[in-house]
C-alpha atoms as a PDB file:
ATOM      1  CA  MET A   1      13.858 -31.749  -6.384  1.00  0.00           C
ATOM      2  CA  ARG A   2      14.534 -27.959  -5.208  1.00  0.00           C
ATOM      3  CA  ILE A   3      12.328 -26.537  -8.677  1.00  0.00           C
ATOM      4  CA  ALA A   4       9.516 -28.888  -7.970  1.00  0.00           C
ATOM      5  CA  LEU A   5       9.338 -28.075  -4.568  1.00  0.00           C
ATOM      6  CA  VAL A   6       9.183 -24.454  -5.452  1.00  0.00           C
ATOM      7  CA  ILE A   7       6.581 -25.209  -8.142  1.00  0.00           C
ATOM      8  CA  ALA A   8       4.688 -27.190  -5.494  1.00  0.00           C
ATOM      9  CA  LEU A   9       4.769 -24.114  -2.923  1.00  0.00           C
ATOM     10  CA  LEU A  10       3.615 -21.681  -5.591  1.00  0.00           C
ATOM     11  CA  ALA A  11       0.748 -23.693  -6.845  1.00  0.00           C
ATOM     12  CA  ILE A  12      -0.259 -23.975  -3.017  1.00  0.00           C
ATOM     13  CA  ALA A  13       0.044 -20.163  -2.542  1.00  0.00           C
ATOM     14  CA  GLY A  14      -1.798 -19.316  -5.549  1.00  0.00           C
ATOM     15  CA  PRO A  15      -0.849 -16.410  -8.190  1.00  0.00           C
ATOM     16  CA  LEU A  16       1.438 -13.850  -6.681  1.00  0.00           C
ATOM     17  CA  PRO A  17       0.035 -10.044  -6.361  1.00  0.00           C
ATOM     18  CA  PRO A  18       1.312  -7.807  -9.156  1.00  0.00           C
ATOM     19  CA  ALA A  19       4.570  -5.920  -8.444  1.00  0.00           C
ATOM     20  CA  PRO A  20       3.632  -2.256  -7.689  1.00  0.00           C
ATOM     21  CA  VAL A  21       4.192  -0.187 -10.502  1.00  0.00           C
ATOM     22  CA  PRO A  22       6.726   2.824  -9.743  1.00  0.00           C
ATOM     23  CA  SER A  23       5.195   6.413 -10.433  1.00  0.00           C
ATOM     24  CA  ASN A  24       5.819   8.277 -13.328  1.00  0.00           C
ATOM     25  CA  ASN A  25       4.275  11.122 -11.644  1.00  0.00           C
ATOM     26  CA  SER A  26       7.260  12.388  -9.857  1.00  0.00           C
ATOM     27  CA  GLY A  27      10.355  14.347 -11.223  1.00  0.00           C
ATOM     28  CA  ILE A  28      13.888  16.071 -10.113  1.00  0.00           C
ATOM     29  CA  PHE A  29      13.598  19.800 -11.215  1.00  0.00           C
ATOM     30  CA  TYR A  30      16.729  21.775 -11.554  1.00  0.00           C
ATOM     31  CA  GLY A  31      18.190  25.027 -12.893  1.00  0.00           C
ATOM     32  CA  PRO A  32      20.692  27.399 -11.975  1.00  0.00           C
ATOM     33  CA  GLY A  33      21.332  27.117  -8.138  1.00  0.00           C
ATOM     34  CA  PHE A  34      18.314  24.695  -7.377  1.00  0.00           C
ATOM     35  CA  SER A  35      17.571  21.070  -7.653  1.00  0.00           C
ATOM     36  CA  PHE A  36      14.588  19.515  -5.969  1.00  0.00           C
ATOM     37  CA  ILE A  37      11.990  16.845  -6.141  1.00  0.00           C
ATOM     38  CA  LEU A  38       8.431  16.768  -6.348  1.00  0.00           C
ATOM     39  CA  ALA A  39       5.769  14.324  -6.618  1.00  0.00           C
ATOM     40  CA  ALA A  40       2.393  14.705  -7.700  1.00  0.00           C
ATOM     41  CA  PRO A  41      -0.423  13.580  -5.359  1.00  0.00           C
ATOM     42  CA  GLU A  42      -3.185  11.063  -6.239  1.00  0.00           C
ATOM     43  CA  GLY A  43      -5.702  12.003  -8.688  1.00  0.00           C
ATOM     44  CA  TRP A  44      -3.141  14.925 -10.162  1.00  0.00           C
ATOM     45  CA  VAL A  45      -0.709  15.170 -13.263  1.00  0.00           C
ATOM     46  CA  LEU A  46       3.064  16.486 -12.941  1.00  0.00           C
ATOM     47  CA  ASP A  47       3.556  18.502 -16.282  1.00  0.00           C
ATOM     48  CA  ASP A  48       7.217  19.834 -16.655  1.00  0.00           C
ATOM     49  CA  VAL A  49       6.338  21.146 -20.024  1.00  0.00           C
ATOM     50  CA  SER A  50       3.300  23.381 -20.091  1.00  0.00           C
ATOM     51  CA  GLY A  51       4.424  25.900 -17.622  1.00  0.00           C
ATOM     52  CA  ARG A  52       7.892  26.675 -18.991  1.00  0.00           C
ATOM     53  CA  LYS A  53       6.747  29.981 -20.854  1.00  0.00           C
ATOM     54  CA  GLN A  54       5.763  31.027 -17.620  1.00  0.00           C
ATOM     55  CA  GLY A  55       9.032  30.201 -16.054  1.00  0.00           C
ATOM     56  CA  LEU A  56       7.374  27.675 -13.920  1.00  0.00           C
ATOM     57  CA  SER A  57       9.810  24.192 -13.329  1.00  0.00           C
ATOM     58  CA  ALA A  58       6.799  22.061 -12.759  1.00  0.00           C
ATOM     59  CA  VAL A  59       2.800  22.389 -12.912  1.00  0.00           C
ATOM     60  CA  PHE A  60      -0.029  20.092 -11.360  1.00  0.00           C
ATOM     61  CA  TYR A  61      -3.542  19.944 -12.175  1.00  0.00           C
ATOM     62  CA  LYS A  62      -6.186  17.332 -11.688  1.00  0.00           C
ATOM     63  CA  ARG A  63      -6.207  14.173 -14.053  1.00  0.00           C
ATOM     64  CA  GLY A  64      -8.461  14.728 -17.090  1.00  0.00           C
ATOM     65  CA  ASP A  65      -7.616  18.406 -17.160  1.00  0.00           C
ATOM     66  CA  SER A  66      -5.137  20.345 -18.764  1.00  0.00           C
ATOM     67  CA  TRP A  67      -2.948  23.323 -17.334  1.00  0.00           C
ATOM     68  CA  SER A  68      -4.684  25.961 -19.648  1.00  0.00           C
ATOM     69  CA  ARG A  69      -8.488  24.613 -18.994  1.00  0.00           C
ATOM     70  CA  ALA A  70      -7.744  23.295 -15.309  1.00  0.00           C
ATOM     71  CA  LYS A  71     -10.037  25.287 -12.657  1.00  0.00           C
ATOM     72  CA  VAL A  72      -7.319  24.508  -9.723  1.00  0.00           C
ATOM     73  CA  VAL A  73      -3.569  24.202 -10.394  1.00  0.00           C
ATOM     74  CA  MET A  74      -0.361  23.797  -8.316  1.00  0.00           C
ATOM     75  CA  TYR A  75       3.320  24.796  -9.627  1.00  0.00           C
ATOM     76  CA  ALA A  76       6.648  25.097  -8.117  1.00  0.00           C
ATOM     77  CA  ASN A  77       8.605  28.485  -8.905  1.00  0.00           C
ATOM     78  CA  PRO A  78      12.207  28.756  -7.558  1.00  0.00           C
ATOM     79  CA  VAL A  79      13.333  32.305  -7.123  1.00  0.00           C
ATOM     80  CA  ARG A  80      16.991  32.988  -7.079  1.00  0.00           C
ATOM     81  CA  LYS A  81      18.120  35.190  -3.946  1.00  0.00           C
ATOM     82  CA  SER A  82      20.680  37.698  -4.523  1.00  0.00           C
ATOM     83  CA  LYS A  83      23.635  38.201  -2.102  1.00  0.00           C
ATOM     84  CA  GLY A  84      22.267  38.492   1.435  1.00  0.00           C
ATOM     85  CA  GLU A  85      18.371  38.134   0.649  1.00  0.00           C
ATOM     86  CA  THR A  86      16.245  36.517   2.913  1.00  0.00           C
ATOM     87  CA  VAL A  87      12.890  34.748   2.535  1.00  0.00           C
ATOM     88  CA  GLY A  88      11.310  37.339   4.485  1.00  0.00           C
ATOM     89  CA  ARG A  89      12.604  40.022   2.066  1.00  0.00           C
ATOM     90  CA  ILE A  90      11.138  37.429  -0.760  1.00  0.00           C
ATOM     91  CA  ILE A  91       7.894  37.015   0.906  1.00  0.00           C
ATOM     92  CA  ALA A  92       7.344  40.668   1.261  1.00  0.00           C
ATOM     93  CA  ASP A  93       8.321  41.634  -2.391  1.00  0.00           C
ATOM     94  CA  ASP A  94       5.924  38.756  -3.306  1.00  0.00           C
ATOM     95  CA  VAL A  95       3.073  40.411  -1.285  1.00  0.00           C
ATOM     96  CA  LEU A  96       3.817  43.768  -2.696  1.00  0.00           C
ATOM     97  CA  SER A  97       3.685  42.395  -6.261  1.00  0.00           C
ATOM     98  CA  PHE A  98       0.331  40.801  -5.562  1.00  0.00           C
ATOM     99  CA  ARG A  99      -1.096  43.932  -4.040  1.00  0.00           C
ATOM    100  CA  GLU A 100      -0.179  45.968  -7.079  1.00  0.00           C
ATOM    101  CA  ARG A 101      -1.573  43.635  -9.278  1.00  0.00           C
ATOM    102  CA  SER A 102      -4.791  43.220  -7.372  1.00  0.00           C
ATOM    103  CA  PRO A 103      -5.154  45.945  -4.917  1.00  0.00           C
ATOM    104  CA  GLU A 104      -8.580  44.752  -3.721  1.00  0.00           C
ATOM    105  CA  ALA A 105      -7.126  41.462  -2.463  1.00  0.00           C
ATOM    106  CA  VAL A 106      -6.500  40.249   0.880  1.00  0.00           C
ATOM    107  CA  VAL A 107      -3.418  38.676   1.791  1.00  0.00           C
ATOM    108  CA  GLU A 108      -3.309  36.568   5.226  1.00  0.00           C
ATOM    109  CA  ASP A 109      -0.593  34.499   6.921  1.00  0.00           C
ATOM    110  CA  GLY A 110      -1.563  30.771   6.563  1.00  0.00           C
ATOM    111  CA  PRO A 111      -0.657  28.016   9.028  1.00  0.00           C
ATOM    112  CA  ALA A 112       2.936  26.550   8.396  1.00  0.00           C
ATOM    113  CA  VAL A 113       2.781  23.323   6.240  1.00  0.00           C
ATOM    114  CA  ALA A 114       5.073  20.134   6.637  1.00  0.00           C
ATOM    115  CA  ALA A 115       7.405  19.192   3.705  1.00  0.00           C
ATOM    116  CA  SER A 116       9.089  16.092   3.291  1.00  0.00           C
ATOM    117  CA  GLY A 117      11.141  15.202   6.687  1.00  0.00           C
ATOM    118  CA  GLY A 118       8.807  17.462   8.817  1.00  0.00           C
ATOM    119  CA  ARG A 119      10.251  20.770   7.902  1.00  0.00           C
ATOM    120  CA  MET A 120       7.798  23.515   8.240  1.00  0.00           C
ATOM    121  CA  LEU A 121       7.174  26.091   5.458  1.00  0.00           C
ATOM    122  CA  PRO A 122       5.696  29.526   5.799  1.00  0.00           C
ATOM    123  CA  VAL A 123       2.598  30.226   4.103  1.00  0.00           C
ATOM    124  CA  LYS A 124       0.825  33.502   2.571  1.00  0.00           C
ATOM    125  CA  VAL A 125      -2.954  33.090   1.693  1.00  0.00           C
ATOM    126  CA  PHE A 126      -3.930  35.449  -1.310  1.00  0.00           C
ATOM    127  CA  ARG A 127      -7.688  35.886  -1.336  1.00  0.00           C
ATOM    128  CA  GLY A 128      -9.367  37.575  -4.276  1.00  0.00           C
ATOM    129  CA  THR A 129      -6.816  37.933  -7.243  1.00  0.00           C
ATOM    130  CA  LYS A 130      -7.612  40.091 -10.072  1.00  0.00           C
ATOM    131  CA  GLU A 131      -8.898  36.957 -11.781  1.00  0.00           C
ATOM    132  CA  GLY A 132     -10.918  36.273  -8.743  1.00  0.00           C
ATOM    133  CA  ASP A 133      -9.085  33.385  -7.575  1.00  0.00           C
ATOM    134  CA  ASP A 134      -7.348  32.481  -4.284  1.00  0.00           C
ATOM    135  CA  GLU A 135      -3.787  31.464  -3.929  1.00  0.00           C
ATOM    136  CA  VAL A 136      -1.807  29.522  -1.187  1.00  0.00           C
ATOM    137  CA  VAL A 137       1.785  29.994  -1.365  1.00  0.00           C
ATOM    138  CA  ALA A 138       4.673  27.860   0.854  1.00  0.00           C
ATOM    139  CA  TYR A 139       7.874  29.262   0.556  1.00  0.00           C
ATOM    140  CA  ALA A 140      10.658  26.592   0.828  1.00  0.00           C
ATOM    141  CA  ASP A 141      13.751  28.773   1.943  1.00  0.00           C
ATOM    142  CA  GLU A 142      17.159  27.255   0.473  1.00  0.00           C
ATOM    143  CA  SER A 143      20.809  28.183   0.417  1.00  0.00           C
ATOM    144  CA  SER A 144      20.292  29.686  -3.143  1.00  0.00           C
ATOM    145  CA  CYS A 145      16.750  30.379  -3.636  1.00  0.00           C
ATOM    146  CA  VAL A 146      13.094  30.248  -2.281  1.00  0.00           C
ATOM    147  CA  VAL A 147      11.032  27.811  -3.963  1.00  0.00           C
ATOM    148  CA  MET A 148       7.480  28.556  -3.972  1.00  0.00           C
ATOM    149  CA  ILE A 149       4.988  26.328  -4.201  1.00  0.00           C
ATOM    150  CA  VAL A 150       1.519  27.581  -5.044  1.00  0.00           C
ATOM    151  CA  LEU A 151      -2.033  26.271  -5.061  1.00  0.00           C
ATOM    152  CA  SER A 152      -4.202  28.415  -7.132  1.00  0.00           C
ATOM    153  CA  GLY A 153      -7.963  28.347  -8.268  1.00  0.00           C
ATOM    154  CA  THR A 154     -11.644  29.643  -7.122  1.00  0.00           C
ATOM    155  CA  ALA A 155     -11.849  29.697  -3.611  1.00  0.00           C
ATOM    156  CA  ASP A 156     -14.029  26.543  -3.362  1.00  0.00           C
ATOM    157  CA  ARG A 157     -11.609  24.528  -5.537  1.00  0.00           C
ATOM    158  CA  VAL A 158      -8.478  25.636  -3.472  1.00  0.00           C
ATOM    159  CA  ARG A 159     -10.591  24.683   0.005  1.00  0.00           C
ATOM    160  CA  ASP A 160     -11.325  21.342  -1.590  1.00  0.00           C
ATOM    161  CA  ALA A 161      -7.558  21.020  -2.866  1.00  0.00           C
ATOM    162  CA  ARG A 162      -5.844  21.677   0.568  1.00  0.00           C
ATOM    163  CA  ALA A 163      -5.374  17.913   1.261  1.00  0.00           C
ATOM    164  CA  SER A 164      -3.840  17.438  -2.323  1.00  0.00           C
ATOM    165  CA  PHE A 165      -1.495  20.331  -1.903  1.00  0.00           C
ATOM    166  CA  ALA A 166      -0.341  19.071   1.533  1.00  0.00           C
ATOM    167  CA  ALA A 167       0.579  15.909  -0.013  1.00  0.00           C
ATOM    168  CA  LEU A 168       2.515  17.632  -2.618  1.00  0.00           C
ATOM    169  CA  LEU A 169       4.356  19.618   0.050  1.00  0.00           C
ATOM    170  CA  LYS A 170       5.402  16.319   1.656  1.00  0.00           C
ATOM    171  CA  THR A 171       7.182  15.141  -1.299  1.00  0.00           C
ATOM    172  CA  TYR A 172       9.315  18.485  -1.593  1.00  0.00           C
ATOM    173  CA  THR A 173      12.800  17.775  -1.056  1.00  0.00           C
ATOM    174  CA  PHE A 174      15.640  20.171  -2.046  1.00  0.00           C
ATOM    175  CA  LEU A 175      18.844  18.270  -3.380  1.00  0.00           C
ATOM    176  CA  THR A 176      21.417  20.922  -4.211  1.00  0.00           C
ATOM    177  CA  ALA A 177      22.336  24.472  -5.059  1.00  0.00           C
ATOM    178  CA  ASP A 178      25.050  23.141  -6.863  1.00  0.00           C
ATOM    179  CA  VAL A 179      23.758  22.689 -10.343  1.00  0.00           C
ATOM    180  CA  ARG A 180      25.917  22.750 -13.153  1.00  0.00           C
ATOM    181  CA  GLU A 181      24.449  22.861 -16.558  1.00  0.00           C
END
């Protein structure tokens, strides 16, 4: 009787909507002193292989592109802190290193951006790199490292990808510094 009732209700209700498909476009990235989560925004691909030679935990590019061909990319680069080192020191070193590579470039403070949970991350904008690109860098200050999350490409493509960058940052969650390999 119960089975007949369930079948009758299903027949009246019509077909069930498809179950949501879990995203395979997110990951947990880890190394000595860090582990964090990031998920690619809509229309972007997470690639945890192509950036390894460059020491990058995760790279992102638009669906249909590749890391080597993309005109706009995003990536995560954790930088370990030495004892007593601050996020301010790491940002200053990043700016100094950038100016050494691209002396004609302009470095500006950008508006802070939100990570998961509403946590605000400081931002630097690097305009006119040696390659002619712009970069927007958000700095997530953690106990053991600073995770730099970067948007890079030509000025117009960086401008067009700012919403995707914001969506990526909203998925950033630091898990722990206590990683044992």
